[in-house]
């Protein structure tokens, strides 16, 4: 007899809720789920593998692509599902190239002047927010998230950086 698993066992193993498992079932993403005589769901290894595949795919792909691919796999159209995922990967690669090109331009940019305003060693957060066209709260949020580091923060962290050098977190 094939091993069976309760919804709670699968949910705990994949670190999701049983509601999430039911949603995947309702969306038609997994093979039909058998039930006990008492009408309780139970899963087999095939179900577990389907749930694991969904969770893995959702890390890097859009929800509609993952859902459509899993429905196609459930219906036996594996080739089309793989082509769909491959197409999404291609689009992601194109976006990555675009972002890398933009990052390269930003790294080469001369930040001594912006919008005809000369940048100085010390500028108030209000002046920076005005130049960037955002509220000061946005600047503070970017600082909190580590996306930008004010000169004071750079000195505290022991990072050497000229005033005009791009001193942002490296991903």
C-alpha atoms as a PDB file:
ATOM      1  CA  UNK A   1       0.000   0.000   0.000  1.00  0.00           C
ATOM      2  CA  UNK A   2       1.189   3.485  -0.856  1.00  0.00           C
ATOM      3  CA  UNK A   3       2.208   5.839   1.972  1.00  0.00           C
ATOM      4  CA  UNK A   4      -0.367   8.470   2.822  1.00  0.00           C
ATOM      5  CA  UNK A   5      -0.084  11.835   4.502  1.00  0.00           C
ATOM      6  CA  UNK A   6      -2.559  14.055   6.304  1.00  0.00           C
ATOM      7  CA  UNK A   7      -2.992  17.670   5.188  1.00  0.00           C
ATOM      8  CA  UNK A   8      -1.321  18.779   8.424  1.00  0.00           C
ATOM      9  CA  UNK A   9       1.739  16.600   7.766  1.00  0.00           C
ATOM     10  CA  UNK A  10       2.182  18.001   4.248  1.00  0.00           C
ATOM     11  CA  UNK A  11       1.510  21.582   5.390  1.00  0.00           C
ATOM     12  CA  UNK A  12       4.083  21.299   8.170  1.00  0.00           C
ATOM     13  CA  UNK A  13       6.696  19.789   5.862  1.00  0.00           C
ATOM     14  CA  UNK A  14       6.260  22.571   3.279  1.00  0.00           C
ATOM     15  CA  UNK A  15       5.790  25.340   5.854  1.00  0.00           C
ATOM     16  CA  UNK A  16       2.365  26.373   4.519  1.00  0.00           C
ATOM     17  CA  UNK A  17      -1.147  26.243   5.921  1.00  0.00           C
ATOM     18  CA  UNK A  18      -3.678  23.540   5.226  1.00  0.00           C
ATOM     19  CA  UNK A  19      -5.803  26.311   3.713  1.00  0.00           C
ATOM     20  CA  UNK A  20      -3.080  26.854   1.121  1.00  0.00           C
ATOM     21  CA  UNK A  21      -3.152  23.147   0.252  1.00  0.00           C
ATOM     22  CA  UNK A  22      -6.935  23.256  -0.148  1.00  0.00           C
ATOM     23  CA  UNK A  23      -6.629  26.359  -2.330  1.00  0.00           C
ATOM     24  CA  UNK A  24      -4.198  24.548  -4.629  1.00  0.00           C
ATOM     25  CA  UNK A  25      -6.656  21.665  -4.807  1.00  0.00           C
ATOM     26  CA  UNK A  26      -9.614  23.990  -5.524  1.00  0.00           C
ATOM     27  CA  UNK A  27      -7.588  25.710  -8.261  1.00  0.00           C
ATOM     28  CA  UNK A  28      -7.062  22.343  -9.962  1.00  0.00           C
ATOM     29  CA  UNK A  29      -3.279  22.377  -9.540  1.00  0.00           C
ATOM     30  CA  UNK A  30      -2.798  18.912  -8.095  1.00  0.00           C
ATOM     31  CA  UNK A  31      -4.080  15.414  -8.925  1.00  0.00           C
ATOM     32  CA  UNK A  32      -7.524  14.558  -7.577  1.00  0.00           C
ATOM     33  CA  UNK A  33      -7.389  14.066  -3.822  1.00  0.00           C
ATOM     34  CA  UNK A  34      -8.807  10.857  -2.370  1.00  0.00           C
ATOM     35  CA  UNK A  35     -10.814  10.831   0.843  1.00  0.00           C
ATOM     36  CA  UNK A  36     -11.237   8.446   3.705  1.00  0.00           C
ATOM     37  CA  UNK A  37     -14.521   6.776   4.591  1.00  0.00           C
ATOM     38  CA  UNK A  38     -15.042   9.681   7.001  1.00  0.00           C
ATOM     39  CA  UNK A  39     -14.611  12.142   4.065  1.00  0.00           C
ATOM     40  CA  UNK A  40     -11.193  13.409   5.219  1.00  0.00           C
ATOM     41  CA  UNK A  41      -8.530  14.299   2.646  1.00  0.00           C
ATOM     42  CA  UNK A  42      -5.332  12.338   2.478  1.00  0.00           C
ATOM     43  CA  UNK A  43      -2.374  12.792   0.197  1.00  0.00           C
ATOM     44  CA  UNK A  44       0.053  10.432  -1.490  1.00  0.00           C
ATOM     45  CA  UNK A  45       3.649  10.973  -2.593  1.00  0.00           C
ATOM     46  CA  UNK A  46       2.406  12.291  -5.961  1.00  0.00           C
ATOM     47  CA  UNK A  47       0.382  14.981  -4.166  1.00  0.00           C
ATOM     48  CA  UNK A  48       3.331  15.890  -1.982  1.00  0.00           C
ATOM     49  CA  UNK A  49       5.555  16.214  -5.048  1.00  0.00           C
ATOM     50  CA  UNK A  50       2.961  18.421  -6.764  1.00  0.00           C
ATOM     51  CA  UNK A  51       2.723  20.681  -3.710  1.00  0.00           C
ATOM     52  CA  UNK A  52       6.533  20.864  -3.476  1.00  0.00           C
ATOM     53  CA  UNK A  53       6.753  21.733  -7.189  1.00  0.00           C
ATOM     54  CA  UNK A  54       4.213  24.546  -6.762  1.00  0.00           C
ATOM     55  CA  UNK A  55       6.107  26.000  -3.798  1.00  0.00           C
ATOM     56  CA  UNK A  56       9.433  25.794  -5.656  1.00  0.00           C
ATOM     57  CA  UNK A  57       8.062  27.358  -8.834  1.00  0.00           C
ATOM     58  CA  UNK A  58       6.447  30.223  -6.911  1.00  0.00           C
ATOM     59  CA  UNK A  59       9.901  31.311  -5.730  1.00  0.00           C
ATOM     60  CA  UNK A  60      10.895  32.440  -9.214  1.00  0.00           C
ATOM     61  CA  UNK A  61       7.827  32.548 -11.440  1.00  0.00           C
ATOM     62  CA  UNK A  62       4.608  34.539 -11.634  1.00  0.00           C
ATOM     63  CA  UNK A  63       1.564  32.959  -9.990  1.00  0.00           C
ATOM     64  CA  UNK A  64      -0.474  32.701 -13.233  1.00  0.00           C
ATOM     65  CA  UNK A  65       2.394  30.890 -14.981  1.00  0.00           C
ATOM     66  CA  UNK A  66       2.820  28.428 -12.107  1.00  0.00           C
ATOM     67  CA  UNK A  67      -0.924  27.762 -11.876  1.00  0.00           C
ATOM     68  CA  UNK A  68      -1.315  27.312 -15.639  1.00  0.00           C
ATOM     69  CA  UNK A  69       1.723  25.029 -15.821  1.00  0.00           C
ATOM     70  CA  UNK A  70       0.485  22.854 -12.950  1.00  0.00           C
ATOM     71  CA  UNK A  71      -2.974  22.589 -14.529  1.00  0.00           C
ATOM     72  CA  UNK A  72      -1.400  21.517 -17.801  1.00  0.00           C
ATOM     73  CA  UNK A  73       0.747  18.929 -16.028  1.00  0.00           C
ATOM     74  CA  UNK A  74      -2.346  17.629 -14.233  1.00  0.00           C
ATOM     75  CA  UNK A  75      -4.050  17.300 -17.621  1.00  0.00           C
ATOM     76  CA  UNK A  76      -1.058  15.441 -19.082  1.00  0.00           C
ATOM     77  CA  UNK A  77       0.268  18.276 -21.266  1.00  0.00           C
ATOM     78  CA  UNK A  78       3.742  18.292 -19.756  1.00  0.00           C
ATOM     79  CA  UNK A  79       5.494  19.545 -22.893  1.00  0.00           C
ATOM     80  CA  UNK A  80       3.347  22.668 -23.138  1.00  0.00           C
ATOM     81  CA  UNK A  81       3.770  23.303 -19.400  1.00  0.00           C
ATOM     82  CA  UNK A  82       7.554  23.137 -19.747  1.00  0.00           C
ATOM     83  CA  UNK A  83       7.488  25.494 -22.745  1.00  0.00           C
ATOM     84  CA  UNK A  84       5.392  27.958 -20.745  1.00  0.00           C
ATOM     85  CA  UNK A  85       7.856  27.884 -17.839  1.00  0.00           C
ATOM     86  CA  UNK A  86      10.756  28.181 -20.295  1.00  0.00           C
ATOM     87  CA  UNK A  87       9.136  31.242 -21.901  1.00  0.00           C
ATOM     88  CA  UNK A  88       8.720  32.862 -18.478  1.00  0.00           C
ATOM     89  CA  UNK A  89      12.381  32.131 -17.721  1.00  0.00           C
ATOM     90  CA  UNK A  90      13.339  33.795 -21.006  1.00  0.00           C
ATOM     91  CA  UNK A  91      11.347  36.909 -20.052  1.00  0.00           C
ATOM     92  CA  UNK A  92      13.009  36.954 -16.635  1.00  0.00           C
ATOM     93  CA  UNK A  93      16.442  36.742 -18.289  1.00  0.00           C
ATOM     94  CA  UNK A  94      15.582  39.668 -20.580  1.00  0.00           C
ATOM     95  CA  UNK A  95      14.481  41.711 -17.567  1.00  0.00           C
ATOM     96  CA  UNK A  96      17.698  40.798 -15.745  1.00  0.00           C
ATOM     97  CA  UNK A  97      19.769  41.988 -18.715  1.00  0.00           C
ATOM     98  CA  UNK A  98      17.813  45.248 -18.818  1.00  0.00           C
ATOM     99  CA  UNK A  99      18.338  45.830 -15.099  1.00  0.00           C
ATOM    100  CA  UNK A 100      22.063  45.041 -15.393  1.00  0.00           C
ATOM    101  CA  UNK A 101      22.391  47.566 -18.237  1.00  0.00           C
ATOM    102  CA  UNK A 102      20.636  50.223 -16.163  1.00  0.00           C
ATOM    103  CA  UNK A 103      22.794  49.391 -13.145  1.00  0.00           C
ATOM    104  CA  UNK A 104      25.883  49.780 -15.332  1.00  0.00           C
ATOM    105  CA  UNK A 105      24.700  53.219 -16.461  1.00  0.00           C
ATOM    106  CA  UNK A 106      24.017  54.248 -12.855  1.00  0.00           C
ATOM    107  CA  UNK A 107      27.458  53.096 -11.745  1.00  0.00           C
ATOM    108  CA  UNK A 108      29.065  55.189 -14.516  1.00  0.00           C
ATOM    109  CA  UNK A 109      26.896  58.245 -13.861  1.00  0.00           C
ATOM    110  CA  UNK A 110      28.408  61.466 -12.623  1.00  0.00           C
ATOM    111  CA  UNK A 111      26.479  62.456  -9.528  1.00  0.00           C
ATOM    112  CA  UNK A 112      28.215  65.805  -8.984  1.00  0.00           C
ATOM    113  CA  UNK A 113      25.114  67.547 -10.297  1.00  0.00           C
ATOM    114  CA  UNK A 114      21.476  66.554 -10.583  1.00  0.00           C
ATOM    115  CA  UNK A 115      18.687  68.572 -12.223  1.00  0.00           C
ATOM    116  CA  UNK A 116      21.020  71.527 -12.486  1.00  0.00           C
ATOM    117  CA  UNK A 117      21.607  71.484  -8.722  1.00  0.00           C
ATOM    118  CA  UNK A 118      25.160  70.982  -7.550  1.00  0.00           C
ATOM    119  CA  UNK A 119      25.458  68.223  -4.989  1.00  0.00           C
ATOM    120  CA  UNK A 120      27.436  69.043  -1.887  1.00  0.00           C
ATOM    121  CA  UNK A 121      29.065  67.065   0.902  1.00  0.00           C
ATOM    122  CA  UNK A 122      26.259  67.896   3.289  1.00  0.00           C
ATOM    123  CA  UNK A 123      22.664  68.205   2.203  1.00  0.00           C
ATOM    124  CA  UNK A 124      19.583  68.059   4.365  1.00  0.00           C
ATOM    125  CA  UNK A 125      17.201  65.181   4.013  1.00  0.00           C
ATOM    126  CA  UNK A 126      14.604  67.716   2.883  1.00  0.00           C
ATOM    127  CA  UNK A 127      16.827  68.923   0.031  1.00  0.00           C
ATOM    128  CA  UNK A 128      17.606  65.367  -1.056  1.00  0.00           C
ATOM    129  CA  UNK A 129      13.899  64.444  -0.963  1.00  0.00           C
ATOM    130  CA  UNK A 130      13.028  67.536  -2.997  1.00  0.00           C
ATOM    131  CA  UNK A 131      15.651  66.699  -5.613  1.00  0.00           C
ATOM    132  CA  UNK A 132      14.475  63.080  -5.807  1.00  0.00           C
ATOM    133  CA  UNK A 133      10.831  64.135  -5.980  1.00  0.00           C
ATOM    134  CA  UNK A 134       9.817  62.072  -2.949  1.00  0.00           C
ATOM    135  CA  UNK A 135       8.783  62.688   0.640  1.00  0.00           C
ATOM    136  CA  UNK A 136      11.395  62.677   3.379  1.00  0.00           C
ATOM    137  CA  UNK A 137       9.677  59.581   4.759  1.00  0.00           C
ATOM    138  CA  UNK A 138      10.665  57.736   1.564  1.00  0.00           C
ATOM    139  CA  UNK A 139      14.318  58.678   2.108  1.00  0.00           C
ATOM    140  CA  UNK A 140      14.127  57.453   5.711  1.00  0.00           C
ATOM    141  CA  UNK A 141      12.471  54.215   4.569  1.00  0.00           C
ATOM    142  CA  UNK A 142      15.236  53.637   1.984  1.00  0.00           C
ATOM    143  CA  UNK A 143      17.803  54.191   4.732  1.00  0.00           C
ATOM    144  CA  UNK A 144      16.016  51.744   7.043  1.00  0.00           C
ATOM    145  CA  UNK A 145      15.930  49.115   4.274  1.00  0.00           C
ATOM    146  CA  UNK A 146      19.648  49.637   3.623  1.00  0.00           C
ATOM    147  CA  UNK A 147      19.096  50.848   0.065  1.00  0.00           C
ATOM    148  CA  UNK A 148      20.935  54.086   0.725  1.00  0.00           C
ATOM    149  CA  UNK A 149      23.437  55.015   3.393  1.00  0.00           C
ATOM    150  CA  UNK A 150      23.899  58.623   4.504  1.00  0.00           C
ATOM    151  CA  UNK A 151      27.478  59.861   4.896  1.00  0.00           C
ATOM    152  CA  UNK A 152      27.096  59.763   8.694  1.00  0.00           C
ATOM    153  CA  UNK A 153      26.071  56.113   8.484  1.00  0.00           C
ATOM    154  CA  UNK A 154      28.961  55.349   6.152  1.00  0.00           C
ATOM    155  CA  UNK A 155      31.456  56.840   8.599  1.00  0.00           C
ATOM    156  CA  UNK A 156      29.936  54.862  11.482  1.00  0.00           C
ATOM    157  CA  UNK A 157      30.210  51.654   9.459  1.00  0.00           C
ATOM    158  CA  UNK A 158      33.858  52.367   8.608  1.00  0.00           C
ATOM    159  CA  UNK A 159      33.230  52.502   4.854  1.00  0.00           C
ATOM    160  CA  UNK A 160      35.489  54.824   2.910  1.00  0.00           C
ATOM    161  CA  UNK A 161      33.531  56.627   0.236  1.00  0.00           C
ATOM    162  CA  UNK A 162      33.934  59.938  -1.518  1.00  0.00           C
ATOM    163  CA  UNK A 163      30.928  62.261  -1.315  1.00  0.00           C
ATOM    164  CA  UNK A 164      29.959  61.635  -4.925  1.00  0.00           C
ATOM    165  CA  UNK A 165      30.679  57.938  -5.091  1.00  0.00           C
ATOM    166  CA  UNK A 166      27.721  55.607  -5.195  1.00  0.00           C
ATOM    167  CA  UNK A 167      27.636  54.151  -1.688  1.00  0.00           C
ATOM    168  CA  UNK A 168      24.757  51.743  -1.815  1.00  0.00           C
ATOM    169  CA  UNK A 169      24.367  48.180  -0.642  1.00  0.00           C
ATOM    170  CA  UNK A 170      25.773  45.684  -3.088  1.00  0.00           C
ATOM    171  CA  UNK A 171      23.320  42.880  -3.811  1.00  0.00           C
END
